[in-house]
Structure formats: C-alpha cells, structure tokens
Amino acid sequence: MHTTQPIVRLSLAACLLSGTGCYTLQSTQTAPSPGTVMAFDVNDAGRVALGGTIGPEIGQVEGRLLSQENGEYVLAVSTVRMLRGGEQVWSGERVRINREHVGNTYVRRFDKGRTIALGAVVVGGVAAIIASRDLIGLGREPEPPIPPGGGEELRAPLRGFRIVVPLFR
C-alpha cells in the first residue's frame, strides 16, 4: 500500500487545487460593497502619496474593501504589484487610498471557463499518472499457467514479456 500513498496524496492535492477555482480582475465603474475583493491601478500622484506607506513604483494594489470614507477606499491589502514586474504579498494590513490616486478599478470575479479548463487538466493529469503506474490493476499481464506435470520451469524476461518453458527430466 506504500506505493499508492503518494498518488493518493497527489490526487487529494489536485482535487483541492481544482476546487479553488480561477478568478480574474474585471474592470468596474460601480461602487462596490464592503467585503469585495478589489484592485486599484495607482496613478503617478498615488505613487508619490503612497510611496512612504506601501513603497515606490506601485503599479496596482489588491485587497478586500473594508469601507469607503471621505473620498478614500480603506483596503485590507493582500497583494501589491510593481510597475516593473514582481509583487509583494501582504497579510491584510489596512491602507487608505484616496480616489484621486486611483486610475482603474477592478473587481475580482469567479471565471467559470478557466475553472473548468483547470479542472479538466487536473483530472487528465491524475488519470494519466494512475494509468502510467498501473495503480488500479489495468494492463497487467495474466499469470502464466502452471506447467503440466509439475516440473521445474525456466522464466526468462524478454522486453517486458515472460516466457515460461517447462523443464522435464
């Protein structure tokens, strides 16, 4: 049973991964409600204003919207993307972003098409692993019959095939 444990773990991990789904950021013009996961493109004025709080060269800030107060978004930041690539992962620190410092606004939404595609790839990969390692008994050669007379036998492997030759005295 030890040989199947890694495959069972891999299958479980694949199922959990496929269950998480795929999300995309979609542009929005409407005022979202608190609790919505959002992203904001930061403009030049915002990079200057937020440089001391978040860091230089901010391209986009993503997180859960906590509230909108006095022309500011209050965000629990999860990710900061830089202008020249790369991103920083945050753990929900509260940041106030003035609406004047925001270029585009995005809402994170579930993408059904990408999730179905990811699920198909994961299921196909798991099936390929199971089939290639013969984990459920498909593709096994049947055991050769016992030679008549109960004599000794000579077994010689030949490129994956077994040849059984009974030896009689």
N, C-alpha and C. Protein backbone atom coordinates (compact mmCIF):
# COMPACT_ATOMS: atom_id res chain seq x y z
N MET A 1 0.82 -1.19 0.00
CA MET A 1 0.00 0.00 0.00
C MET A 1 0.87 1.26 0.00
N HIS A 2 2.15 1.13 0.33
CA HIS A 2 3.01 2.31 0.35
C HIS A 2 3.16 2.95 -1.02
N THR A 3 3.09 2.16 -2.08
CA THR A 3 3.28 2.73 -3.41
C THR A 3 2.13 3.62 -3.84
N THR A 4 0.93 3.40 -3.30
CA THR A 4 -0.20 4.22 -3.70
C THR A 4 -0.38 5.45 -2.83
N GLN A 5 0.24 5.51 -1.66
CA GLN A 5 0.06 6.66 -0.79
C GLN A 5 0.46 7.98 -1.43
N PRO A 6 1.63 8.08 -2.11
CA PRO A 6 1.96 9.35 -2.76
C PRO A 6 0.95 9.74 -3.83
N ILE A 7 0.41 8.76 -4.55
CA ILE A 7 -0.57 9.05 -5.59
C ILE A 7 -1.87 9.53 -4.96
N VAL A 8 -2.27 8.91 -3.86
CA VAL A 8 -3.48 9.35 -3.18
C VAL A 8 -3.32 10.78 -2.70
N ARG A 9 -2.16 11.09 -2.15
CA ARG A 9 -1.90 12.46 -1.70
C ARG A 9 -1.89 13.43 -2.87
N LEU A 10 -1.29 13.02 -3.98
CA LEU A 10 -1.28 13.87 -5.18
C LEU A 10 -2.69 14.10 -5.69
N SER A 11 -3.50 13.05 -5.68
CA SER A 11 -4.89 13.19 -6.14
C SER A 11 -5.67 14.13 -5.24
N LEU A 12 -5.46 14.01 -3.93
CA LEU A 12 -6.15 14.89 -2.99
C LEU A 12 -5.73 16.34 -3.20
N ALA A 13 -4.44 16.56 -3.37
CA ALA A 13 -3.95 17.92 -3.62
C ALA A 13 -4.51 18.47 -4.92
N ALA A 14 -4.59 17.64 -5.94
CA ALA A 14 -5.15 18.08 -7.23
C ALA A 14 -6.61 18.46 -7.09
N CYS A 15 -7.36 17.67 -6.33
CA CYS A 15 -8.79 17.98 -6.13
C CYS A 15 -8.94 19.30 -5.37
N LEU A 16 -8.13 19.50 -4.35
CA LEU A 16 -8.21 20.75 -3.60
C LEU A 16 -7.84 21.93 -4.49
N LEU A 17 -6.80 21.77 -5.33
CA LEU A 17 -6.39 22.83 -6.23
C LEU A 17 -7.48 23.15 -7.22
N SER A 18 -8.10 22.12 -7.80
CA SER A 18 -9.13 22.37 -8.79
C SER A 18 -10.38 22.95 -8.15
N GLY A 19 -10.59 22.70 -6.87
CA GLY A 19 -11.76 23.24 -6.18
C GLY A 19 -11.63 24.71 -5.84
N THR A 20 -10.41 25.24 -5.88
CA THR A 20 -10.25 26.64 -5.53
C THR A 20 -10.78 27.55 -6.61
N GLY A 21 -10.77 27.12 -7.84
CA GLY A 21 -11.32 27.91 -8.93
C GLY A 21 -10.37 28.99 -9.41
N CYS A 22 -10.75 29.60 -10.49
CA CYS A 22 -9.95 30.67 -11.09
C CYS A 22 -10.72 31.97 -11.00
N TYR A 23 -10.01 33.01 -10.70
CA TYR A 23 -10.61 34.33 -10.60
C TYR A 23 -9.88 35.28 -11.53
N THR A 24 -10.60 36.27 -12.02
CA THR A 24 -9.99 37.30 -12.85
C THR A 24 -10.40 38.66 -12.31
N LEU A 25 -9.59 39.65 -12.62
CA LEU A 25 -9.93 41.02 -12.27
C LEU A 25 -10.66 41.63 -13.45
N GLN A 26 -11.88 42.13 -13.20
CA GLN A 26 -12.68 42.74 -14.26
C GLN A 26 -12.92 44.21 -13.91
N SER A 27 -12.74 45.05 -14.90
CA SER A 27 -12.91 46.49 -14.72
C SER A 27 -14.34 46.80 -14.28
N THR A 28 -14.47 47.77 -13.39
CA THR A 28 -15.79 48.16 -12.90
C THR A 28 -15.85 49.68 -12.75
N GLN A 29 -17.04 50.22 -12.91
CA GLN A 29 -17.27 51.65 -12.71
C GLN A 29 -18.19 51.88 -11.53
N THR A 30 -18.82 50.82 -11.03
CA THR A 30 -19.77 50.97 -9.94
C THR A 30 -19.06 50.93 -8.59
N ALA A 31 -19.70 51.50 -7.59
CA ALA A 31 -19.14 51.50 -6.24
C ALA A 31 -19.42 50.14 -5.60
N PRO A 32 -18.39 49.37 -5.32
CA PRO A 32 -18.59 48.05 -4.74
C PRO A 32 -18.94 48.13 -3.25
N SER A 33 -19.50 47.06 -2.76
CA SER A 33 -19.85 47.00 -1.34
C SER A 33 -18.66 46.49 -0.53
N PRO A 34 -18.61 46.83 0.75
CA PRO A 34 -17.53 46.34 1.62
C PRO A 34 -17.49 44.81 1.61
N GLY A 35 -16.29 44.27 1.66
CA GLY A 35 -16.08 42.83 1.62
C GLY A 35 -15.68 42.33 0.24
N THR A 36 -15.84 43.18 -0.78
CA THR A 36 -15.50 42.82 -2.14
C THR A 36 -13.98 42.84 -2.31
N VAL A 37 -13.44 41.84 -3.02
CA VAL A 37 -12.01 41.84 -3.34
C VAL A 37 -11.83 42.70 -4.57
N MET A 38 -10.96 43.71 -4.44
CA MET A 38 -10.77 44.71 -5.49
C MET A 38 -9.29 44.92 -5.77
N ALA A 39 -9.04 45.57 -6.90
CA ALA A 39 -7.68 46.01 -7.23
C ALA A 39 -7.78 47.41 -7.79
N PHE A 40 -6.78 48.22 -7.49
CA PHE A 40 -6.74 49.60 -7.96
C PHE A 40 -5.42 49.84 -8.67
N ASP A 41 -5.48 50.36 -9.90
CA ASP A 41 -4.28 50.85 -10.56
C ASP A 41 -3.94 52.19 -9.94
N VAL A 42 -2.72 52.34 -9.48
CA VAL A 42 -2.31 53.56 -8.82
C VAL A 42 -1.69 54.49 -9.86
N ASN A 43 -2.13 55.76 -9.89
CA ASN A 43 -1.58 56.73 -10.84
C ASN A 43 -0.31 57.38 -10.26
N ASP A 44 0.29 58.29 -11.02
CA ASP A 44 1.54 58.92 -10.60
C ASP A 44 1.41 59.66 -9.27
N ALA A 45 0.31 60.40 -9.12
CA ALA A 45 0.10 61.12 -7.85
C ALA A 45 -0.04 60.13 -6.69
N GLY A 46 -0.68 59.00 -6.95
CA GLY A 46 -0.84 57.97 -5.93
C GLY A 46 0.49 57.32 -5.55
N ARG A 47 1.38 57.14 -6.52
CA ARG A 47 2.70 56.56 -6.23
C ARG A 47 3.48 57.47 -5.30
N VAL A 48 3.36 58.78 -5.52
CA VAL A 48 4.05 59.75 -4.66
C VAL A 48 3.42 59.73 -3.27
N ALA A 49 2.08 59.79 -3.22
CA ALA A 49 1.39 59.85 -1.93
C ALA A 49 1.54 58.56 -1.13
N LEU A 50 1.51 57.40 -1.78
CA LEU A 50 1.56 56.11 -1.09
C LEU A 50 2.97 55.53 -0.97
N GLY A 51 3.95 56.22 -1.56
CA GLY A 51 5.32 55.70 -1.56
C GLY A 51 5.86 55.41 -0.17
N GLY A 52 5.54 56.25 0.80
CA GLY A 52 6.02 56.04 2.16
C GLY A 52 5.30 54.92 2.88
N THR A 53 4.05 54.68 2.51
CA THR A 53 3.25 53.64 3.17
C THR A 53 3.46 52.27 2.54
N ILE A 54 3.39 52.23 1.22
CA ILE A 54 3.43 50.94 0.51
C ILE A 54 4.79 50.69 -0.12
N GLY A 55 5.42 51.71 -0.62
CA GLY A 55 6.71 51.55 -1.27
C GLY A 55 6.71 52.22 -2.63
N PRO A 56 7.89 52.40 -3.22
CA PRO A 56 7.99 53.07 -4.51
C PRO A 56 7.57 52.16 -5.66
N GLU A 57 7.28 52.76 -6.78
CA GLU A 57 6.95 52.06 -8.03
C GLU A 57 5.75 51.12 -7.91
N ILE A 58 4.72 51.56 -7.21
CA ILE A 58 3.50 50.77 -7.08
C ILE A 58 2.74 50.83 -8.39
N GLY A 59 2.33 49.69 -8.90
CA GLY A 59 1.50 49.66 -10.10
C GLY A 59 0.05 49.40 -9.76
N GLN A 60 -0.17 48.44 -8.86
CA GLN A 60 -1.54 48.05 -8.52
C GLN A 60 -1.57 47.53 -7.09
N VAL A 61 -2.67 47.83 -6.41
CA VAL A 61 -2.88 47.36 -5.04
C VAL A 61 -4.16 46.53 -5.03
N GLU A 62 -4.10 45.33 -4.46
CA GLU A 62 -5.26 44.45 -4.41
C GLU A 62 -5.55 44.06 -2.97
N GLY A 63 -6.83 43.93 -2.65
CA GLY A 63 -7.22 43.51 -1.31
C GLY A 63 -8.72 43.57 -1.13
N ARG A 64 -9.16 43.31 0.09
CA ARG A 64 -10.59 43.32 0.41
C ARG A 64 -10.98 44.72 0.85
N LEU A 65 -12.04 45.25 0.22
CA LEU A 65 -12.54 46.59 0.55
C LEU A 65 -13.21 46.53 1.92
N LEU A 66 -12.72 47.35 2.84
CA LEU A 66 -13.30 47.40 4.17
C LEU A 66 -14.39 48.46 4.25
N SER A 67 -14.10 49.64 3.66
CA SER A 67 -15.09 50.71 3.66
C SER A 67 -14.67 51.79 2.68
N GLN A 68 -15.60 52.73 2.45
CA GLN A 68 -15.33 53.93 1.66
C GLN A 68 -15.69 55.11 2.55
N GLU A 69 -14.70 55.92 2.88
CA GLU A 69 -14.92 57.04 3.80
C GLU A 69 -14.25 58.29 3.26
N ASN A 70 -14.96 59.39 3.23
CA ASN A 70 -14.42 60.71 2.88
C ASN A 70 -13.58 60.68 1.61
N GLY A 71 -14.08 60.04 0.58
CA GLY A 71 -13.37 60.01 -0.69
C GLY A 71 -12.16 59.08 -0.69
N GLU A 72 -12.10 58.17 0.25
CA GLU A 72 -10.98 57.22 0.32
C GLU A 72 -11.53 55.79 0.39
N TYR A 73 -10.75 54.89 -0.20
CA TYR A 73 -11.02 53.46 -0.05
C TYR A 73 -10.17 52.98 1.12
N VAL A 74 -10.75 52.22 2.02
CA VAL A 74 -9.98 51.58 3.09
C VAL A 74 -9.90 50.11 2.69
N LEU A 75 -8.67 49.64 2.51
CA LEU A 75 -8.43 48.33 1.92
C LEU A 75 -7.57 47.47 2.84
N ALA A 76 -7.92 46.20 3.00
CA ALA A 76 -7.06 45.22 3.67
C ALA A 76 -6.21 44.60 2.56
N VAL A 77 -4.99 45.06 2.43
CA VAL A 77 -4.15 44.73 1.27
C VAL A 77 -3.67 43.29 1.33
N SER A 78 -3.80 42.61 0.17
CA SER A 78 -3.30 41.23 0.05
C SER A 78 -2.11 41.14 -0.91
N THR A 79 -2.10 42.00 -1.94
CA THR A 79 -1.04 41.95 -2.94
C THR A 79 -0.74 43.36 -3.45
N VAL A 80 0.54 43.64 -3.61
CA VAL A 80 0.98 44.88 -4.25
C VAL A 80 1.81 44.49 -5.46
N ARG A 81 1.40 44.94 -6.64
CA ARG A 81 2.13 44.66 -7.88
C ARG A 81 2.94 45.89 -8.26
N MET A 82 4.18 45.65 -8.67
CA MET A 82 5.09 46.74 -9.01
C MET A 82 5.01 47.09 -10.50
N LEU A 83 5.41 48.30 -10.82
CA LEU A 83 5.38 48.77 -12.21
C LEU A 83 6.26 47.93 -13.12
N ARG A 84 7.42 47.54 -12.64
CA ARG A 84 8.39 46.82 -13.48
C ARG A 84 8.35 45.31 -13.24
N GLY A 85 7.21 44.84 -12.77
CA GLY A 85 7.08 43.40 -12.52
C GLY A 85 7.33 43.06 -11.07
N GLY A 86 6.91 41.90 -10.71
CA GLY A 86 7.06 41.43 -9.34
C GLY A 86 5.89 41.87 -8.49
N GLU A 87 5.72 41.16 -7.41
CA GLU A 87 4.64 41.52 -6.49
C GLU A 87 5.03 41.17 -5.07
N GLN A 88 4.39 41.86 -4.15
CA GLN A 88 4.60 41.62 -2.73
C GLN A 88 3.30 41.10 -2.14
N VAL A 89 3.41 40.08 -1.31
CA VAL A 89 2.24 39.53 -0.65
C VAL A 89 2.13 40.17 0.73
N TRP A 90 0.97 40.71 1.01
CA TRP A 90 0.69 41.34 2.29
C TRP A 90 -0.30 40.47 3.05
N SER A 91 -0.46 40.72 4.33
CA SER A 91 -1.36 39.89 5.14
C SER A 91 -2.53 40.70 5.70
N GLY A 92 -3.12 41.56 4.88
CA GLY A 92 -4.33 42.26 5.27
C GLY A 92 -4.12 43.57 6.00
N GLU A 93 -2.94 44.18 5.87
CA GLU A 93 -2.71 45.48 6.51
C GLU A 93 -3.67 46.52 5.92
N ARG A 94 -4.20 47.39 6.78
CA ARG A 94 -5.14 48.42 6.34
C ARG A 94 -4.39 49.59 5.70
N VAL A 95 -4.86 49.97 4.52
CA VAL A 95 -4.27 51.10 3.81
C VAL A 95 -5.42 51.96 3.28
N ARG A 96 -5.26 53.26 3.40
CA ARG A 96 -6.23 54.22 2.86
C ARG A 96 -5.71 54.71 1.52
N ILE A 97 -6.58 54.62 0.51
CA ILE A 97 -6.20 55.06 -0.84
C ILE A 97 -7.21 56.11 -1.29
N ASN A 98 -6.73 57.31 -1.53
CA ASN A 98 -7.60 58.39 -2.00
C ASN A 98 -8.07 58.08 -3.40
N ARG A 99 -9.33 58.37 -3.70
CA ARG A 99 -9.88 58.10 -5.03
C ARG A 99 -9.14 58.86 -6.12
N GLU A 100 -8.56 59.99 -5.80
CA GLU A 100 -7.80 60.77 -6.78
C GLU A 100 -6.50 60.08 -7.17
N HIS A 101 -6.08 59.10 -6.38
CA HIS A 101 -4.82 58.38 -6.64
C HIS A 101 -5.05 57.07 -7.41
N VAL A 102 -6.29 56.84 -7.82
CA VAL A 102 -6.65 55.59 -8.49
C VAL A 102 -6.92 55.86 -9.96
N GLY A 103 -6.30 55.02 -10.83
CA GLY A 103 -6.58 55.09 -12.26
C GLY A 103 -7.79 54.23 -12.60
N ASN A 104 -7.60 52.93 -12.69
CA ASN A 104 -8.68 51.98 -12.98
C ASN A 104 -9.02 51.20 -11.72
N THR A 105 -10.28 50.78 -11.64
CA THR A 105 -10.77 49.98 -10.52
C THR A 105 -11.24 48.63 -11.06
N TYR A 106 -10.87 47.57 -10.35
CA TYR A 106 -11.22 46.21 -10.77
C TYR A 106 -11.89 45.46 -9.63
N VAL A 107 -12.76 44.53 -9.98
CA VAL A 107 -13.40 43.63 -9.02
C VAL A 107 -12.98 42.21 -9.37
N ARG A 108 -12.64 41.43 -8.35
CA ARG A 108 -12.25 40.04 -8.60
C ARG A 108 -13.51 39.20 -8.70
N ARG A 109 -13.64 38.48 -9.83
CA ARG A 109 -14.82 37.66 -10.09
C ARG A 109 -14.40 36.24 -10.47
N PHE A 110 -15.28 35.31 -10.15
CA PHE A 110 -15.07 33.90 -10.48
C PHE A 110 -15.16 33.72 -12.00
N ASP A 111 -14.19 33.00 -12.59
CA ASP A 111 -14.16 32.75 -14.02
C ASP A 111 -14.48 31.28 -14.26
N LYS A 112 -15.72 31.00 -14.67
CA LYS A 112 -16.19 29.63 -14.84
C LYS A 112 -15.40 28.88 -15.92
N GLY A 113 -15.11 29.53 -17.05
CA GLY A 113 -14.39 28.89 -18.15
C GLY A 113 -13.00 28.44 -17.75
N ARG A 114 -12.26 29.31 -17.09
CA ARG A 114 -10.90 28.94 -16.66
C ARG A 114 -10.93 27.83 -15.60
N THR A 115 -11.93 27.87 -14.73
CA THR A 115 -12.03 26.85 -13.70
C THR A 115 -12.32 25.48 -14.32
N ILE A 116 -13.20 25.44 -15.30
CA ILE A 116 -13.49 24.17 -15.99
C ILE A 116 -12.24 23.66 -16.69
N ALA A 117 -11.51 24.55 -17.36
CA ALA A 117 -10.28 24.14 -18.05
C ALA A 117 -9.24 23.61 -17.06
N LEU A 118 -9.07 24.29 -15.93
CA LEU A 118 -8.12 23.83 -14.91
C LEU A 118 -8.54 22.47 -14.37
N GLY A 119 -9.83 22.30 -14.09
CA GLY A 119 -10.33 21.02 -13.59
C GLY A 119 -10.08 19.89 -14.57
N ALA A 120 -10.30 20.15 -15.87
CA ALA A 120 -10.06 19.13 -16.90
C ALA A 120 -8.58 18.74 -16.96
N VAL A 121 -7.70 19.72 -16.86
CA VAL A 121 -6.26 19.45 -16.89
C VAL A 121 -5.85 18.63 -15.66
N VAL A 122 -6.36 19.00 -14.50
CA VAL A 122 -6.00 18.27 -13.27
C VAL A 122 -6.51 16.84 -13.32
N VAL A 123 -7.77 16.64 -13.71
CA VAL A 123 -8.33 15.29 -13.78
C VAL A 123 -7.58 14.47 -14.82
N GLY A 124 -7.26 15.05 -15.98
CA GLY A 124 -6.50 14.34 -17.00
C GLY A 124 -5.11 13.95 -16.51
N GLY A 125 -4.46 14.85 -15.78
CA GLY A 125 -3.14 14.55 -15.24
C GLY A 125 -3.16 13.43 -14.23
N VAL A 126 -4.14 13.46 -13.35
CA VAL A 126 -4.27 12.39 -12.35
C VAL A 126 -4.57 11.06 -13.03
N ALA A 127 -5.45 11.08 -14.02
CA ALA A 127 -5.77 9.85 -14.76
C ALA A 127 -4.53 9.31 -15.47
N ALA A 128 -3.72 10.19 -16.06
CA ALA A 128 -2.50 9.76 -16.75
C ALA A 128 -1.51 9.14 -15.77
N ILE A 129 -1.38 9.72 -14.59
CA ILE A 129 -0.47 9.16 -13.58
C ILE A 129 -0.95 7.79 -13.14
N ILE A 130 -2.25 7.66 -12.89
CA ILE A 130 -2.79 6.37 -12.46
C ILE A 130 -2.59 5.31 -13.53
N ALA A 131 -2.87 5.67 -14.78
CA ALA A 131 -2.73 4.70 -15.88
C ALA A 131 -1.26 4.33 -16.12
N SER A 132 -0.36 5.30 -16.04
CA SER A 132 1.05 5.02 -16.33
C SER A 132 1.72 4.19 -15.25
N ARG A 133 1.20 4.21 -14.05
CA ARG A 133 1.80 3.45 -12.95
C ARG A 133 1.02 2.20 -12.59
N ASP A 134 -0.01 1.90 -13.38
CA ASP A 134 -0.80 0.70 -13.19
C ASP A 134 -1.27 0.57 -11.74
N LEU A 135 -1.87 1.66 -11.22
CA LEU A 135 -2.26 1.67 -9.81
C LEU A 135 -3.58 0.97 -9.53
N ILE A 136 -4.41 0.78 -10.53
CA ILE A 136 -5.70 0.13 -10.27
C ILE A 136 -5.80 -1.23 -10.95
N GLY A 137 -4.68 -1.76 -11.44
CA GLY A 137 -4.65 -3.12 -11.96
C GLY A 137 -4.97 -3.25 -13.43
N LEU A 138 -5.17 -2.18 -14.15
CA LEU A 138 -5.42 -2.28 -15.58
C LEU A 138 -4.10 -2.50 -16.31
N GLY A 139 -4.12 -3.30 -17.33
CA GLY A 139 -2.94 -3.50 -18.16
C GLY A 139 -1.97 -4.54 -17.64
N ARG A 140 -2.31 -5.26 -16.59
CA ARG A 140 -1.41 -6.29 -16.09
C ARG A 140 -1.51 -7.54 -16.94
N GLU A 141 -0.38 -8.20 -17.07
CA GLU A 141 -0.37 -9.47 -17.78
C GLU A 141 -0.91 -10.54 -16.85
N PRO A 142 -1.69 -11.46 -17.38
CA PRO A 142 -2.18 -12.55 -16.51
C PRO A 142 -1.01 -13.45 -16.12
N GLU A 143 -1.17 -14.07 -14.97
CA GLU A 143 -0.14 -15.00 -14.51
C GLU A 143 -0.13 -16.22 -15.44
N PRO A 144 1.06 -16.72 -15.80
CA PRO A 144 1.13 -17.88 -16.69
C PRO A 144 0.60 -19.13 -15.97
N PRO A 145 0.03 -20.04 -16.73
CA PRO A 145 -0.48 -21.27 -16.10
C PRO A 145 0.67 -22.13 -15.58
N ILE A 146 0.36 -22.95 -14.61
CA ILE A 146 1.36 -23.88 -14.07
C ILE A 146 1.61 -24.94 -15.12
N PRO A 147 2.88 -25.23 -15.42
CA PRO A 147 3.17 -26.21 -16.46
C PRO A 147 2.65 -27.59 -16.08
N PRO A 148 2.23 -28.36 -17.09
CA PRO A 148 1.72 -29.71 -16.80
C PRO A 148 2.83 -30.60 -16.24
N GLY A 149 2.45 -31.47 -15.39
CA GLY A 149 3.41 -32.41 -14.83
C GLY A 149 4.12 -31.87 -13.61
N GLY A 150 3.91 -30.62 -13.25
CA GLY A 150 4.51 -30.05 -12.06
C GLY A 150 6.01 -29.95 -12.10
N GLY A 151 6.61 -29.98 -13.30
CA GLY A 151 8.06 -29.91 -13.39
C GLY A 151 8.58 -28.52 -13.09
N GLU A 152 9.90 -28.42 -13.07
CA GLU A 152 10.51 -27.11 -12.86
C GLU A 152 10.30 -26.26 -14.10
N GLU A 153 10.50 -24.98 -13.94
CA GLU A 153 10.33 -24.11 -15.09
C GLU A 153 11.44 -23.08 -15.14
N LEU A 154 11.68 -22.60 -16.32
CA LEU A 154 12.68 -21.58 -16.55
C LEU A 154 11.94 -20.32 -16.97
N ARG A 155 12.15 -19.21 -16.26
CA ARG A 155 11.49 -17.94 -16.60
C ARG A 155 12.55 -16.97 -17.09
N ALA A 156 12.33 -16.48 -18.29
CA ALA A 156 13.30 -15.54 -18.86
C ALA A 156 12.56 -14.28 -19.33
N PRO A 157 12.95 -13.08 -18.83
CA PRO A 157 12.30 -11.85 -19.29
C PRO A 157 12.75 -11.50 -20.70
N LEU A 158 11.84 -11.07 -21.54
CA LEU A 158 12.17 -10.69 -22.90
C LEU A 158 11.42 -9.40 -23.22
N ARG A 159 12.06 -8.31 -23.03
CA ARG A 159 11.49 -6.99 -23.30
C ARG A 159 10.07 -6.83 -22.75
N GLY A 160 9.92 -7.09 -21.47
CA GLY A 160 8.64 -6.90 -20.83
C GLY A 160 7.70 -8.09 -20.91
N PHE A 161 8.07 -9.16 -21.63
CA PHE A 161 7.23 -10.34 -21.72
C PHE A 161 7.91 -11.47 -20.97
N ARG A 162 7.11 -12.36 -20.45
CA ARG A 162 7.67 -13.53 -19.75
C ARG A 162 7.43 -14.77 -20.60
N ILE A 163 8.47 -15.54 -20.73
CA ILE A 163 8.37 -16.81 -21.43
C ILE A 163 8.60 -17.91 -20.39
N VAL A 164 7.65 -18.79 -20.32
CA VAL A 164 7.76 -19.89 -19.36
C VAL A 164 7.99 -21.18 -20.13
N VAL A 165 9.10 -21.82 -19.83
CA VAL A 165 9.46 -23.07 -20.51
C VAL A 165 9.52 -24.17 -19.44
N PRO A 166 8.61 -25.15 -19.52
CA PRO A 166 8.69 -26.23 -18.53
C PRO A 166 9.92 -27.09 -18.76
N LEU A 167 10.56 -27.50 -17.71
CA LEU A 167 11.73 -28.37 -17.77
C LEU A 167 11.35 -29.74 -17.25
N PHE A 168 11.50 -30.76 -18.07
CA PHE A 168 11.16 -32.12 -17.69
C PHE A 168 12.44 -32.92 -17.62
N ARG A 169 12.50 -33.90 -16.75
CA ARG A 169 13.69 -34.74 -16.62
C ARG A 169 13.39 -36.13 -17.02
